PDB file of N, CA and C in Angstrom:
ATOM      1  N   MET A   1      33.417  32.979   9.739  1.00  0.00           N
ATOM      2  CA  MET A   1      33.944  33.005  11.081  1.00  0.00           C
ATOM      3  C   MET A   1      33.631  33.062  12.086  1.00  0.00           C
ATOM      4  N   PRO A   2      33.468  32.305  12.813  1.00  0.00           N
ATOM      5  CA  PRO A   2      32.464  32.898  14.148  1.00  0.00           C
ATOM      6  C   PRO A   2      32.785  34.031  14.543  1.00  0.00           C
ATOM      7  N   PRO A   3      32.208  35.160  15.383  1.00  0.00           N
ATOM      8  CA  PRO A   3      32.428  36.174  16.374  1.00  0.00           C
ATOM      9  C   PRO A   3      33.290  35.841  17.074  1.00  0.00           C
ATOM     10  N   VAL A   4      34.255  36.850  17.638  1.00  0.00           N
ATOM     11  CA  VAL A   4      35.312  35.991  18.763  1.00  0.00           C
ATOM     12  C   VAL A   4      35.116  37.706  19.827  1.00  0.00           C
ATOM     13  N   ALA A   5      34.208  37.271  21.013  1.00  0.00           N
ATOM     14  CA  ALA A   5      34.360  38.143  21.968  1.00  0.00           C
ATOM     15  C   ALA A   5      35.708  38.947  22.180  1.00  0.00           C
ATOM     16  N   SER A   6      35.651  40.199  22.653  1.00  0.00           N
ATOM     17  CA  SER A   6      36.214  41.040  22.778  1.00  0.00           C
ATOM     18  C   SER A   6      36.381  42.058  24.103  1.00  0.00           C
ATOM     19  N   PRO A   7      37.063  42.391  24.586  1.00  0.00           N
ATOM     20  CA  PRO A   7      36.716  43.173  26.113  1.00  0.00           C
ATOM     21  C   PRO A   7      36.302  44.282  25.732  1.00  0.00           C
ATOM     22  N   PRO A   8      35.138  44.495  26.425  1.00  0.00           N
ATOM     23  CA  PRO A   8      34.434  45.908  26.431  1.00  0.00           C
ATOM     24  C   PRO A   8      35.405  46.965  26.978  1.00  0.00           C
ATOM     25  N   ALA A   9      34.894  47.848  25.963  1.00  0.00           N
ATOM     26  CA  ALA A   9      35.319  49.366  26.171  1.00  0.00           C
ATOM     27  C   ALA A   9      35.838  50.311  27.521  1.00  0.00           C
ATOM     28  N   HIS A  10      34.422  49.969  28.077  1.00  0.00           N
ATOM     29  CA  HIS A  10      34.094  50.362  29.473  1.00  0.00           C
ATOM     30  C   HIS A  10      33.448  48.768  30.374  1.00  0.00           C
ATOM     31  N   PRO A  11      33.982  48.751  31.787  1.00  0.00           N
ATOM     32  CA  PRO A  11      33.428  47.767  32.492  1.00  0.00           C
ATOM     33  C   PRO A  11      32.185  46.945  32.688  1.00  0.00           C
ATOM     34  N   ILE A  12      31.116  48.084  32.372  1.00  0.00           N
ATOM     35  CA  ILE A  12      29.592  47.806  32.460  1.00  0.00           C
ATOM     36  C   ILE A  12      29.238  47.538  30.675  1.00  0.00           C
ATOM     37  N   GLU A  13      30.071  48.201  30.024  1.00  0.00           N
ATOM     38  CA  GLU A  13      29.533  47.811  28.617  1.00  0.00           C
ATOM     39  C   GLU A  13      29.739  46.167  28.217  1.00  0.00           C
ATOM     40  N   SER A  14      28.762  45.521  27.482  1.00  0.00           N
ATOM     41  CA  SER A  14      28.823  44.231  26.929  1.00  0.00           C
ATOM     42  C   SER A  14      28.861  44.494  25.496  1.00  0.00           C
ATOM     43  N   CYS A  15      29.626  43.775  24.963  1.00  0.00           N
ATOM     44  CA  CYS A  15      29.865  43.549  23.095  1.00  0.00           C
ATOM     45  C   CYS A  15      30.011  42.269  22.575  1.00  0.00           C
ATOM     46  N   PHE A  16      29.442  41.908  21.366  1.00  0.00           N
ATOM     47  CA  PHE A  16      29.899  41.137  20.734  1.00  0.00           C
ATOM     48  C   PHE A  16      30.582  41.545  19.345  1.00  0.00           C
ATOM     49  N   CYS A  17      31.875  41.264  18.792  1.00  0.00           N
ATOM     50  CA  CYS A  17      32.391  41.458  18.023  1.00  0.00           C
ATOM     51  C   CYS A  17      32.917  40.338  16.985  1.00  0.00           C
ATOM     52  N   ASP A  18      32.750  40.704  15.652  1.00  0.00           N
ATOM     53  CA  ASP A  18      33.796  39.595  14.718  1.00  0.00           C
ATOM     54  C   ASP A  18      34.627  40.309  14.842  1.00  0.00           C
ATOM     55  N   GLN A  19      35.556  40.130  13.616  1.00  0.00           N
ATOM     56  CA  GLN A  19      36.801  40.570  13.655  1.00  0.00           C
ATOM     57  C   GLN A  19      36.850  42.270  13.144  1.00  0.00           C
ATOM     58  N   ASP A  20      35.917  42.384  12.361  1.00  0.00           N
ATOM     59  CA  ASP A  20      35.436  43.865  12.294  1.00  0.00           C
ATOM     60  C   ASP A  20      35.490  44.749  13.415  1.00  0.00           C
ATOM     61  N   ALA A  21      36.324  45.305  13.975  1.00  0.00           N
ATOM     62  CA  ALA A  21      35.263  46.235  15.503  1.00  0.00           C
ATOM     63  C   ALA A  21      34.230  47.141  14.846  1.00  0.00           C
ATOM     64  N   GLU A  22      33.753  47.826  13.823  1.00  0.00           N
ATOM     65  CA  GLU A  22      32.769  48.292  13.522  1.00  0.00           C
ATOM     66  C   GLU A  22      31.449  47.666  13.733  1.00  0.00           C
ATOM     67  N   GLN A  23      31.379  46.747  13.462  1.00  0.00           N
ATOM     68  CA  GLN A  23      30.375  45.709  13.333  1.00  0.00           C
ATOM     69  C   GLN A  23      30.039  44.977  14.272  1.00  0.00           C
ATOM     70  N   ARG A  24      30.101  45.773  15.704  1.00  0.00           N
ATOM     71  CA  ARG A  24      29.351  45.299  17.350  1.00  0.00           C
ATOM     72  C   ARG A  24      28.259  45.264  17.187  1.00  0.00           C
ATOM     73  N   ILE A  25      27.695  44.322  18.086  1.00  0.00           N
ATOM     74  CA  ILE A  25      26.889  43.124  18.455  1.00  0.00           C
ATOM     75  C   ILE A  25      26.685  43.737  19.961  1.00  0.00           C
ATOM     76  N   ASP A  26      25.275  44.297  20.101  1.00  0.00           N
ATOM     77  CA  ASP A  26      24.891  44.514  21.879  1.00  0.00           C
ATOM     78  C   ASP A  26      24.985  42.987  22.310  1.00  0.00           C
ATOM     79  N   VAL A  27      25.335  42.617  23.193  1.00  0.00           N
ATOM     80  CA  VAL A  27      25.247  41.083  23.568  1.00  0.00           C
ATOM     81  C   VAL A  27      24.148  41.095  24.532  1.00  0.00           C
ATOM     82  N   ASP A  28      23.402  42.137  25.420  1.00  0.00           N
ATOM     83  CA  ASP A  28      22.224  42.314  26.057  1.00  0.00           C
ATOM     84  C   ASP A  28      21.160  42.100  25.141  1.00  0.00           C
ATOM     85  N   ARG A  29      21.139  42.765  23.644  1.00  0.00           N
ATOM     86  CA  ARG A  29      20.038  42.855  23.100  1.00  0.00           C
ATOM     87  C   ARG A  29      19.683  41.544  22.560  1.00  0.00           C
ATOM     88  N   VAL A  30      21.032  40.466  21.951  1.00  0.00           N
ATOM     89  CA  VAL A  30      20.673  39.652  21.530  1.00  0.00           C
ATOM     90  C   VAL A  30      20.707  38.274  22.814  1.00  0.00           C
ATOM     91  N   LEU A  31      21.072  38.005  24.102  1.00  0.00           N
ATOM     92  CA  LEU A  31      20.620  37.675  25.203  1.00  0.00           C
ATOM     93  C   LEU A  31      19.299  37.489  25.323  1.00  0.00           C
ATOM     94  N   THR A  32      18.433  38.775  25.867  1.00  0.00           N
ATOM     95  CA  THR A  32      17.083  38.985  25.200  1.00  0.00           C
ATOM     96  C   THR A  32      16.286  38.724  24.257  1.00  0.00           C
ATOM     97  N   ALA A  33      17.014  38.769  22.926  1.00  0.00           N
ATOM     98  CA  ALA A  33      16.153  37.972  21.853  1.00  0.00           C
ATOM     99  C   ALA A  33      16.219  36.602  22.301  1.00  0.00           C
ATOM    100  N   LEU A  34      17.279  35.798  23.072  1.00  0.00           N
ATOM    101  CA  LEU A  34      17.422  34.582  22.704  1.00  0.00           C
ATOM    102  C   LEU A  34      17.032  34.159  24.231  1.00  0.00           C
ATOM    103  N   ALA A  35      16.365  34.858  24.966  1.00  0.00           N
ATOM    104  CA  ALA A  35      15.754  34.762  26.200  1.00  0.00           C
ATOM    105  C   ALA A  35      14.122  33.806  26.510  1.00  0.00           C
ATOM    106  N   HIS A  36      13.594  33.815  25.401  1.00  0.00           N
ATOM    107  CA  HIS A  36      12.129  33.666  25.176  1.00  0.00           C
ATOM    108  C   HIS A  36      12.026  32.250  24.159  1.00  0.00           C
ATOM    109  N   ARG A  37      11.395  31.216  25.026  1.00  0.00           N
ATOM    110  CA  ARG A  37      11.505  29.598  23.943  1.00  0.00           C
ATOM    111  C   ARG A  37      10.767  30.357  22.403  1.00  0.00           C
ATOM    112  N   ARG A  38       9.746  31.129  22.637  1.00  0.00           N
ATOM    113  CA  ARG A  38       8.938  31.361  21.306  1.00  0.00           C
ATOM    114  C   ARG A  38       9.767  32.354  20.831  1.00  0.00           C
ATOM    115  N   ARG A  39      10.619  32.997  21.154  1.00  0.00           N
ATOM    116  CA  ARG A  39      11.752  33.853  20.081  1.00  0.00           C
ATOM    117  C   ARG A  39      12.784  32.818  19.457  1.00  0.00           C
ATOM    118  N   ARG A  40      13.422  32.065  20.283  1.00  0.00           N
ATOM    119  CA  ARG A  40      13.846  31.028  19.928  1.00  0.00           C
ATOM    120  C   ARG A  40      13.537  30.181  18.838  1.00  0.00           C
ATOM    121  N   ALA A  41      12.423  29.740  19.052  1.00  0.00           N
ATOM    122  CA  ALA A  41      11.299  28.792  17.670  1.00  0.00           C
ATOM    123  C   ALA A  41      11.089  29.451  16.668  1.00  0.00           C
ATOM    124  N   ILE A  42      10.949  31.138  16.751  1.00  0.00           N
ATOM    125  CA  ILE A  42      11.141  31.508  15.492  1.00  0.00           C
ATOM    126  C   ILE A  42      12.070  31.936  14.770  1.00  0.00           C
ATOM    127  N   LEU A  43      13.272  31.886  15.757  1.00  0.00           N
ATOM    128  CA  LEU A  43      14.888  32.163  14.628  1.00  0.00           C
ATOM    129  C   LEU A  43      15.027  30.786  14.470  1.00  0.00           C
ATOM    130  N   GLY A  44      14.357  29.466  14.785  1.00  0.00           N
ATOM    131  CA  GLY A  44      15.109  28.123  14.126  1.00  0.00           C
ATOM    132  C   GLY A  44      14.017  28.251  13.281  1.00  0.00           C
ATOM    133  N   LEU A  45      12.661  28.777  13.127  1.00  0.00           N
ATOM    134  CA  LEU A  45      12.346  28.827  11.748  1.00  0.00           C
ATOM    135  C   LEU A  45      12.487  29.303  11.010  1.00  0.00           C
ATOM    136  N   LEU A  46      13.076  30.275  11.202  1.00  0.00           N
ATOM    137  CA  LEU A  46      13.702  31.377  10.465  1.00  0.00           C
ATOM    138  C   LEU A  46      15.241  30.765   9.326  1.00  0.00           C
ATOM    139  N   ASP A  47      15.759  30.003  10.347  1.00  0.00           N
ATOM    140  CA  ASP A  47      17.235  29.353   9.879  1.00  0.00           C
ATOM    141  C   ASP A  47      16.927  28.833   8.679  1.00  0.00           C
ATOM    142  N   GLN A  48      15.551  27.543   9.248  1.00  0.00           N
ATOM    143  CA  GLN A  48      15.037  26.892   7.741  1.00  0.00           C
ATOM    144  C   GLN A  48      14.547  27.440   6.590  1.00  0.00           C
ATOM    145  N   ARG A  49      13.850  28.334   6.385  1.00  0.00           N
ATOM    146  CA  ARG A  49      13.438  29.318   5.666  1.00  0.00           C
ATOM    147  C   ARG A  49      13.439  30.451   5.753  1.00  0.00           C
ATOM    148  N   PRO A  50      14.382  31.283   4.924  1.00  0.00           N
ATOM    149  CA  PRO A  50      14.656  32.915   5.365  1.00  0.00           C
ATOM    150  C   PRO A  50      13.017  33.726   5.660  1.00  0.00           C
ATOM    151  N   GLU A  51      11.912  33.044   5.131  1.00  0.00           N
ATOM    152  CA  GLU A  51      11.238  34.114   5.504  1.00  0.00           C
ATOM    153  C   GLU A  51       9.527  33.563   5.278  1.00  0.00           C
ATOM    154  N   TRP A  52       9.002  34.491   5.947  1.00  0.00           N
ATOM    155  CA  TRP A  52       7.446  33.456   6.512  1.00  0.00           C
ATOM    156  C   TRP A  52       6.443  34.517   6.422  1.00  0.00           C
ATOM    157  N   THR A  53       5.098  34.733   6.422  1.00  0.00           N
ATOM    158  CA  THR A  53       4.497  35.448   6.618  1.00  0.00           C
ATOM    159  C   THR A  53       4.288  35.330   8.622  1.00  0.00           C
ATOM    160  N   ARG A  54       3.907  36.238   9.094  1.00  0.00           N
ATOM    161  CA  ARG A  54       3.320  36.284  10.661  1.00  0.00           C
ATOM    162  C   ARG A  54       2.163  35.374  10.230  1.00  0.00           C
ATOM    163  N   ALA A  55       1.212  35.063   9.661  1.00  0.00           N
ATOM    164  CA  ALA A  55       0.382  34.108   9.743  1.00  0.00           C
ATOM    165  C   ALA A  55       1.073  32.326   9.613  1.00  0.00           C
ATOM    166  N   GLU A  56       1.659  32.549   9.160  1.00  0.00           N
ATOM    167  CA  GLU A  56       2.456  31.379   9.138  1.00  0.00           C
ATOM    168  C   GLU A  56       3.436  30.832   9.987  1.00  0.00           C
ATOM    169  N   LEU A  57       3.833  31.974  10.507  1.00  0.00           N
ATOM    170  CA  LEU A  57       4.585  31.444  11.703  1.00  0.00           C
ATOM    171  C   LEU A  57       3.988  31.111  12.821  1.00  0.00           C
ATOM    172  N   ALA A  58       2.927  32.341  13.334  1.00  0.00           N
ATOM    173  CA  ALA A  58       1.798  31.809  14.391  1.00  0.00           C
ATOM    174  C   ALA A  58       1.031  30.193  14.401  1.00  0.00           C
ATOM    175  N   LEU A  59       0.998  29.849  12.795  1.00  0.00           N
ATOM    176  CA  LEU A  59       0.278  28.613  12.744  1.00  0.00           C
ATOM    177  C   LEU A  59       1.532  27.813  13.230  1.00  0.00           C
ATOM    178  N   THR A  60       2.110  27.747  12.764  1.00  0.00           N
ATOM    179  CA  THR A  60       3.704  26.817  12.881  1.00  0.00           C
ATOM    180  C   THR A  60       4.066  26.626  14.362  1.00  0.00           C
ATOM    181  N   LEU A  61       3.787  27.765  15.078  1.00  0.00           N
ATOM    182  CA  LEU A  61       4.219  28.005  16.487  1.00  0.00           C
ATOM    183  C   LEU A  61       2.747  27.185  17.391  1.00  0.00           C
ATOM    184  N   VAL A  62       2.299  27.296  16.987  1.00  0.00           N
ATOM    185  CA  VAL A  62       0.770  26.358  17.793  1.00  0.00           C
ATOM    186  C   VAL A  62       1.430  25.432  17.284  1.00  0.00           C
ATOM    187  N   ASP A  63       1.533  24.518  16.314  1.00  0.00           N
ATOM    188  CA  ASP A  63       1.780  23.328  16.205  1.00  0.00           C
ATOM    189  C   ASP A  63       3.202  22.680  16.559  1.00  0.00           C
ATOM    190  N   VAL A  64       4.456  23.801  17.150  1.00  0.00           N
ATOM    191  CA  VAL A  64       5.768  23.137  17.308  1.00  0.00           C
ATOM    192  C   VAL A  64       6.241  23.226  18.563  1.00  0.00           C
ATOM    193  N   GLU A  65       5.141  24.090  19.243  1.00  0.00           N
ATOM    194  CA  GLU A  65       5.956  24.730  20.612  1.00  0.00           C
ATOM    195  C   GLU A  65       5.702  23.296  21.660  1.00  0.00           C
ATOM    196  N   GLU A  66       7.064  23.448  22.601  1.00  0.00           N
ATOM    197  CA  GLU A  66       6.666  22.366  23.278  1.00  0.00           C
ATOM    198  C   GLU A  66       7.256  23.117  25.174  1.00  0.00           C
ATOM    199  N   PRO A  67       6.291  22.823  25.887  1.00  0.00           N
ATOM    200  CA  PRO A  67       5.401  22.131  26.180  1.00  0.00           C
ATOM    201  C   PRO A  67       4.278  23.199  25.429  1.00  0.00           C
ATOM    202  N   PRO A  68       3.336  22.269  24.542  1.00  0.00           N
ATOM    203  CA  PRO A  68       2.554  23.517  24.398  1.00  0.00           C
ATOM    204  C   PRO A  68       1.526  24.203  25.110  1.00  0.00           C
ATOM    205  N   GLU A  69       1.492  25.419  24.551  1.00  0.00           N
ATOM    206  CA  GLU A  69      -0.165  26.412  25.591  1.00  0.00           C
ATOM    207  C   GLU A  69      -0.581  26.410  25.479  1.00  0.00           C
ATOM    208  N   ARG A  70      -1.358  25.393  24.987  1.00  0.00           N
ATOM    209  CA  ARG A  70      -2.883  25.769  24.332  1.00  0.00           C
ATOM    210  C   ARG A  70      -3.311  26.835  24.177  1.00  0.00           C
ATOM    211  N   LEU A  71      -2.761  27.911  23.287  1.00  0.00           N
ATOM    212  CA  LEU A  71      -3.312  28.863  22.564  1.00  0.00           C
ATOM    213  C   LEU A  71      -3.416  29.013  21.689  1.00  0.00           C
ATOM    214  N   ASP A  72      -4.615  29.775  20.604  1.00  0.00           N
ATOM    215  CA  ASP A  72      -4.574  29.416  19.236  1.00  0.00           C
ATOM    216  C   ASP A  72      -3.861  30.317  18.287  1.00  0.00           C
ATOM    217  N   GLU A  73      -3.952  29.909  17.168  1.00  0.00           N
ATOM    218  CA  GLU A  73      -3.484  30.698  16.345  1.00  0.00           C
ATOM    219  C   GLU A  73      -3.465  32.489  16.348  1.00  0.00           C
ATOM    220  N   ALA A  74      -4.742  32.966  16.629  1.00  0.00           N
ATOM    221  CA  ALA A  74      -4.942  33.915  16.858  1.00  0.00           C
ATOM    222  C   ALA A  74      -4.126  34.983  18.503  1.00  0.00           C
ATOM    223  N   GLN A  75      -4.099  33.961  19.381  1.00  0.00           N
ATOM    224  CA  GLN A  75      -3.390  34.712  20.549  1.00  0.00           C
ATOM    225  C   GLN A  75      -1.504  34.212  20.243  1.00  0.00           C
ATOM    226  N   VAL A  76      -1.033  33.370  19.255  1.00  0.00           N
ATOM    227  CA  VAL A  76       0.117  33.559  19.370  1.00  0.00           C
ATOM    228  C   VAL A  76       0.521  34.765  18.355  1.00  0.00           C
ATOM    229  N   GLU A  77      -0.461  34.797  17.450  1.00  0.00           N
ATOM    230  CA  GLU A  77       0.068  35.897  16.468  1.00  0.00           C
ATOM    231  C   GLU A  77       0.212  37.646  17.380  1.00  0.00           C
ATOM    232  N   THR A  78      -1.232  37.356  17.974  1.00  0.00           N
ATOM    233  CA  THR A  78      -0.751  38.857  18.805  1.00  0.00           C
ATOM    234  C   THR A  78       0.417  39.370  19.800  1.00  0.00           C
ATOM    235  N   SER A  79       1.029  37.500  20.177  1.00  0.00           N
ATOM    236  CA  SER A  79       2.224  37.573  21.368  1.00  0.00           C
ATOM    237  C   SER A  79       3.299  38.207  19.970  1.00  0.00           C
ATOM    238  N   LEU A  80       3.349  37.830  18.915  1.00  0.00           N
ATOM    239  CA  LEU A  80       4.596  38.475  17.942  1.00  0.00           C
ATOM    240  C   LEU A  80       4.127  39.282  17.782  1.00  0.00           C
ATOM    241  N   VAL A  81       2.787  39.880  17.569  1.00  0.00           N
ATOM    242  CA  VAL A  81       2.664  41.562  17.279  1.00  0.00           C
ATOM    243  C   VAL A  81       3.205  42.503  18.229  1.00  0.00           C
ATOM    244  N   HIS A  82       2.784  42.069  19.318  1.00  0.00           N
ATOM    245  CA  HIS A  82       2.998  42.708  20.790  1.00  0.00           C
ATOM    246  C   HIS A  82       4.478  42.488  21.545  1.00  0.00           C
ATOM    247  N   ARG A  83       5.020  41.319  21.319  1.00  0.00           N
ATOM    248  CA  ARG A  83       6.061  41.461  21.900  1.00  0.00           C
ATOM    249  C   ARG A  83       7.395  40.793  21.384  1.00  0.00           C
ATOM    250  N   HIS A  84       7.640  39.688  20.740  1.00  0.00           N
ATOM    251  CA  HIS A  84       8.236  39.036  20.234  1.00  0.00           C
ATOM    252  C   HIS A  84       8.814  39.557  18.741  1.00  0.00           C
ATOM    253  N   LEU A  85       8.138  39.940  18.176  1.00  0.00           N
ATOM    254  CA  LEU A  85       9.193  40.417  17.115  1.00  0.00           C
ATOM    255  C   LEU A  85       9.469  41.678  16.847  1.00  0.00           C
ATOM    256  N   SER A  86       9.141  42.761  17.659  1.00  0.00           N
ATOM    257  CA  SER A  86       9.729  44.012  17.966  1.00  0.00           C
ATOM    258  C   SER A  86      10.476  43.600  18.693  1.00  0.00           C
ATOM    259  N   THR A  87      11.406  42.875  19.515  1.00  0.00           N
ATOM    260  CA  THR A  87      12.679  42.454  20.401  1.00  0.00           C
ATOM    261  C   THR A  87      13.313  41.701  19.527  1.00  0.00           C
ATOM    262  N   LEU A  88      12.914  41.134  18.799  1.00  0.00           N
ATOM    263  CA  LEU A  88      13.799  40.100  18.093  1.00  0.00           C
ATOM    264  C   LEU A  88      14.610  41.219  16.422  1.00  0.00           C
ATOM    265  N   GLU A  89      13.241  42.572  16.201  1.00  0.00           N
ATOM    266  CA  GLU A  89      13.811  43.030  15.123  1.00  0.00           C
ATOM    267  C   GLU A  89      14.954  44.380  16.137  1.00  0.00           C
ATOM    268  N   SER A  90      14.181  44.735  17.050  1.00  0.00           N
ATOM    269  CA  SER A  90      15.425  45.391  17.832  1.00  0.00           C
ATOM    270  C   SER A  90      17.093  44.823  17.950  1.00  0.00           C
ATOM    271  N   ALA A  91      17.035  43.692  18.122  1.00  0.00           N
ATOM    272  CA  ALA A  91      18.300  43.175  18.050  1.00  0.00           C
ATOM    273  C   ALA A  91      19.005  42.723  16.708  1.00  0.00           C
ATOM    274  N   ARG A  92      18.317  43.428  15.825  1.00  0.00           N
ATOM    275  CA  ARG A  92      18.479  42.487  14.280  1.00  0.00           C
ATOM    276  C   ARG A  92      18.689  41.339  13.779  1.00  0.00           C
ATOM    277  N   ARG A  93      17.862  41.146  14.600  1.00  0.00           N
ATOM    278  CA  ARG A  93      17.653  39.311  14.294  1.00  0.00           C
ATOM    279  C   ARG A  93      16.343  38.993  13.081  1.00  0.00           C
ATOM    280  N   VAL A  94      15.559  39.868  13.172  1.00  0.00           N
ATOM    281  CA  VAL A  94      14.513  39.838  12.287  1.00  0.00           C
ATOM    282  C   VAL A  94      14.252  41.496  11.669  1.00  0.00           C
ATOM    283  N   ILE A  95      13.736  41.227  10.476  1.00  0.00           N
ATOM    284  CA  ILE A  95      12.749  42.523   9.631  1.00  0.00           C
ATOM    285  C   ILE A  95      11.372  42.167   9.298  1.00  0.00           C
ATOM    286  N   GLU A  96      11.148  43.021   9.903  1.00  0.00           N
ATOM    287  CA  GLU A  96       9.717  42.978   9.247  1.00  0.00           C
ATOM    288  C   GLU A  96       9.048  43.800   7.823  1.00  0.00           C
ATOM    289  N   GLY A  97       8.644  43.040   6.982  1.00  0.00           N
ATOM    290  CA  GLY A  97       8.223  44.155   6.003  1.00  0.00           C
ATOM    291  C   GLY A  97       7.155  43.889   5.693  1.00  0.00           C
ATOM    292  N   GLY A  98       6.084  44.242   4.583  1.00  0.00           N
ATOM    293  CA  GLY A  98       5.284  44.070   3.651  1.00  0.00           C
ATOM    294  C   GLY A  98       3.869  44.793   4.491  1.00  0.00           C
ATOM    295  N   GLY A  99       4.274  45.925   5.539  1.00  0.00           N
ATOM    296  CA  GLY A  99       3.322  46.422   6.531  1.00  0.00           C
ATOM    297  C   GLY A  99       3.500  45.324   7.829  1.00  0.00           C
ATOM    298  N   GLY A 100       4.178  44.500   7.930  1.00  0.00           N
ATOM    299  CA  GLY A 100       4.153  43.803   9.083  1.00  0.00           C
ATOM    300  C   GLY A 100       3.838  42.463   8.731  1.00  0.00           C
ATOM    301  N   THR A 101       3.495  42.042   7.792  1.00  0.00           N
ATOM    302  CA  THR A 101       2.777  40.366   7.612  1.00  0.00           C
ATOM    303  C   THR A 101       4.052  39.885   7.069  1.00  0.00           C
ATOM    304  N   ILE A 102       5.259  40.189   7.056  1.00  0.00           N
ATOM    305  CA  ILE A 102       6.026  39.109   6.347  1.00  0.00           C
ATOM    306  C   ILE A 102       7.351  39.209   7.159  1.00  0.00           C
ATOM    307  N   VAL A 103       8.028  38.568   7.418  1.00  0.00           N
ATOM    308  CA  VAL A 103       8.815  37.925   8.743  1.00  0.00           C
ATOM    309  C   VAL A 103      10.195  37.557   7.980  1.00  0.00           C
ATOM    310  N   ARG A 104      11.205  38.265   8.177  1.00  0.00           N
ATOM    311  CA  ARG A 104      12.462  37.632   7.099  1.00  0.00           C
ATOM    312  C   ARG A 104      13.680  37.979   8.345  1.00  0.00           C
ATOM    313  N   ARG A 105      14.764  37.400   7.713  1.00  0.00           N
ATOM    314  CA  ARG A 105      16.010  37.414   8.463  1.00  0.00           C
ATOM    315  C   ARG A 105      16.679  38.661   8.635  1.00  0.00           C
ATOM    316  N   GLY A 106      16.842  39.074   9.642  1.00  0.00           N
ATOM    317  CA  GLY A 106      17.670  40.306   9.876  1.00  0.00           C
ATOM    318  C   GLY A 106      19.157  40.257   9.605  1.00  0.00           C
ATOM    319  N   GLU A 107      19.309  41.565   9.438  1.00  0.00           N
ATOM    320  CA  GLU A 107      21.127  41.982   9.243  1.00  0.00           C
ATOM    321  C   GLU A 107      22.155  40.813  10.409  1.00  0.00           C
ATOM    322  N   ASP A 108      21.796  40.397  11.204  1.00  0.00           N
ATOM    323  CA  ASP A 108      22.358  40.181  12.008  1.00  0.00           C
ATOM    324  C   ASP A 108      21.948  38.878  12.333  1.00  0.00           C
ATOM    325  N   PHE A 109      21.445  37.930  11.642  1.00  0.00           N
ATOM    326  CA  PHE A 109      20.983  37.099  11.754  1.00  0.00           C
ATOM    327  C   PHE A 109      21.812  35.583  12.104  1.00  0.00           C
ATOM    328  N   GLY A 110      22.932  36.166  11.270  1.00  0.00           N
ATOM    329  CA  GLY A 110      23.901  34.984  11.324  1.00  0.00           C
ATOM    330  C   GLY A 110      25.198  34.489  12.661  1.00  0.00           C
ATOM    331  N   VAL A 111      24.162  36.035  13.690  1.00  0.00           N
ATOM    332  CA  VAL A 111      25.089  35.760  14.694  1.00  0.00           C
ATOM    333  C   VAL A 111      24.605  34.453  15.547  1.00  0.00           C
ATOM    334  N   VAL A 112      22.829  34.568  15.105  1.00  0.00           N
ATOM    335  CA  VAL A 112      22.391  33.766  16.351  1.00  0.00           C
ATOM    336  C   VAL A 112      22.669  31.869  16.647  1.00  0.00           C
ATOM    337  N   ARG A 113      23.151  31.476  15.387  1.00  0.00           N
ATOM    338  CA  ARG A 113      23.531  30.298  15.202  1.00  0.00           C
ATOM    339  C   ARG A 113      24.480  30.063  16.002  1.00  0.00           C
ATOM    340  N   ALA A 114      25.852  31.245  15.941  1.00  0.00           N
ATOM    341  CA  ALA A 114      27.140  31.100  16.846  1.00  0.00           C
ATOM    342  C   ALA A 114      26.845  31.038  18.457  1.00  0.00           C
ATOM    343  N   MET A 115      25.887  31.846  18.711  1.00  0.00           N
ATOM    344  CA  MET A 115      25.614  32.413  20.271  1.00  0.00           C
ATOM    345  C   MET A 115      24.878  30.605  20.178  1.00  0.00           C
ATOM    346  N   VAL A 116      23.646  30.144  20.051  1.00  0.00           N
ATOM    347  CA  VAL A 116      22.737  29.140  20.102  1.00  0.00           C
ATOM    348  C   VAL A 116      24.158  28.041  20.450  1.00  0.00           C
ATOM    349  N   ASP A 117      24.646  27.735  19.213  1.00  0.00           N
ATOM    350  CA  ASP A 117      25.597  26.573  19.419  1.00  0.00           C
ATOM    351  C   ASP A 117      26.776  27.315  20.714  1.00  0.00           C
ATOM    352  N   ALA A 118      27.145  27.849  21.002  1.00  0.00           N
ATOM    353  CA  ALA A 118      28.243  28.102  21.832  1.00  0.00           C
ATOM    354  C   ALA A 118      27.357  28.044  23.587  1.00  0.00           C
ATOM    355  N   ALA A 119      26.118  28.170  23.342  1.00  0.00           N
ATOM    356  CA  ALA A 119      24.986  27.864  24.564  1.00  0.00           C
ATOM    357  C   ALA A 119      25.381  26.560  24.575  1.00  0.00           C
ATOM    358  N   THR A 120      24.565  25.861  23.890  1.00  0.00           N
ATOM    359  CA  THR A 120      24.166  24.584  23.885  1.00  0.00           C
ATOM    360  C   THR A 120      25.563  23.630  24.185  1.00  0.00           C
ATOM    361  N   SER A 121      26.736  23.955  23.515  1.00  0.00           N
ATOM    362  CA  SER A 121      28.201  23.305  24.216  1.00  0.00           C
ATOM    363  C   SER A 121      27.954  23.503  25.035  1.00  0.00           C
ATOM    364  N   VAL A 122      27.981  24.229  26.109  1.00  0.00           N
ATOM    365  CA  VAL A 122      28.648  24.557  27.217  1.00  0.00           C
ATOM    366  C   VAL A 122      27.179  23.992  28.446  1.00  0.00           C
ATOM    367  N   THR A 123      26.302  23.884  27.988  1.00  0.00           N
ATOM    368  CA  THR A 123      24.944  23.313  28.606  1.00  0.00           C
ATOM    369  C   THR A 123      24.977  21.660  28.429  1.00  0.00           C
ATOM    370  N   ARG A 124      25.458  21.303  27.539  1.00  0.00           N
ATOM    371  CA  ARG A 124      25.196  20.035  26.992  1.00  0.00           C
ATOM    372  C   ARG A 124      26.225  19.056  28.239  1.00  0.00           C
ATOM    373  N   ARG A 125      25.228  18.196  28.328  1.00  0.00           N
ATOM    374  CA  ARG A 125      26.022  16.871  29.080  1.00  0.00           C
ATOM    375  C   ARG A 125      26.622  15.698  28.502  1.00  0.00           C
ATOM    376  N   GLU A 126      27.899  15.208  28.507  1.00  0.00           N
ATOM    377  CA  GLU A 126      27.935  14.105  27.571  1.00  0.00           C
ATOM    378  C   GLU A 126      28.248  12.784  28.580  1.00  0.00           C
TER     379      GLU A 126
END
């Protein structure tokens, strides 16, 4: 069942809740995680396959990013290590394992598809 928005407890609090009020999702963290196209690409790749090595992600991102950033695999991997994976991990979208070399779907990964689908349905022009 897709998550359902509920009113925040406090006017400036944002939350995204499913039917179980104990499973609160911090909307700000989710939106931050989705705000950068490289992080969205990482999530898309994890949607296709639940586990990647960090090196595989970097190599694949170099090939699929649009528009191409003209970065090599090492530069993309550095951006994964120092920026993107930690942002996704703090939003519980991914989990780094194997000493940081393995990237897996996180505990709240399922929320991603619902939020991206909702955002694209609002912005899609027919």
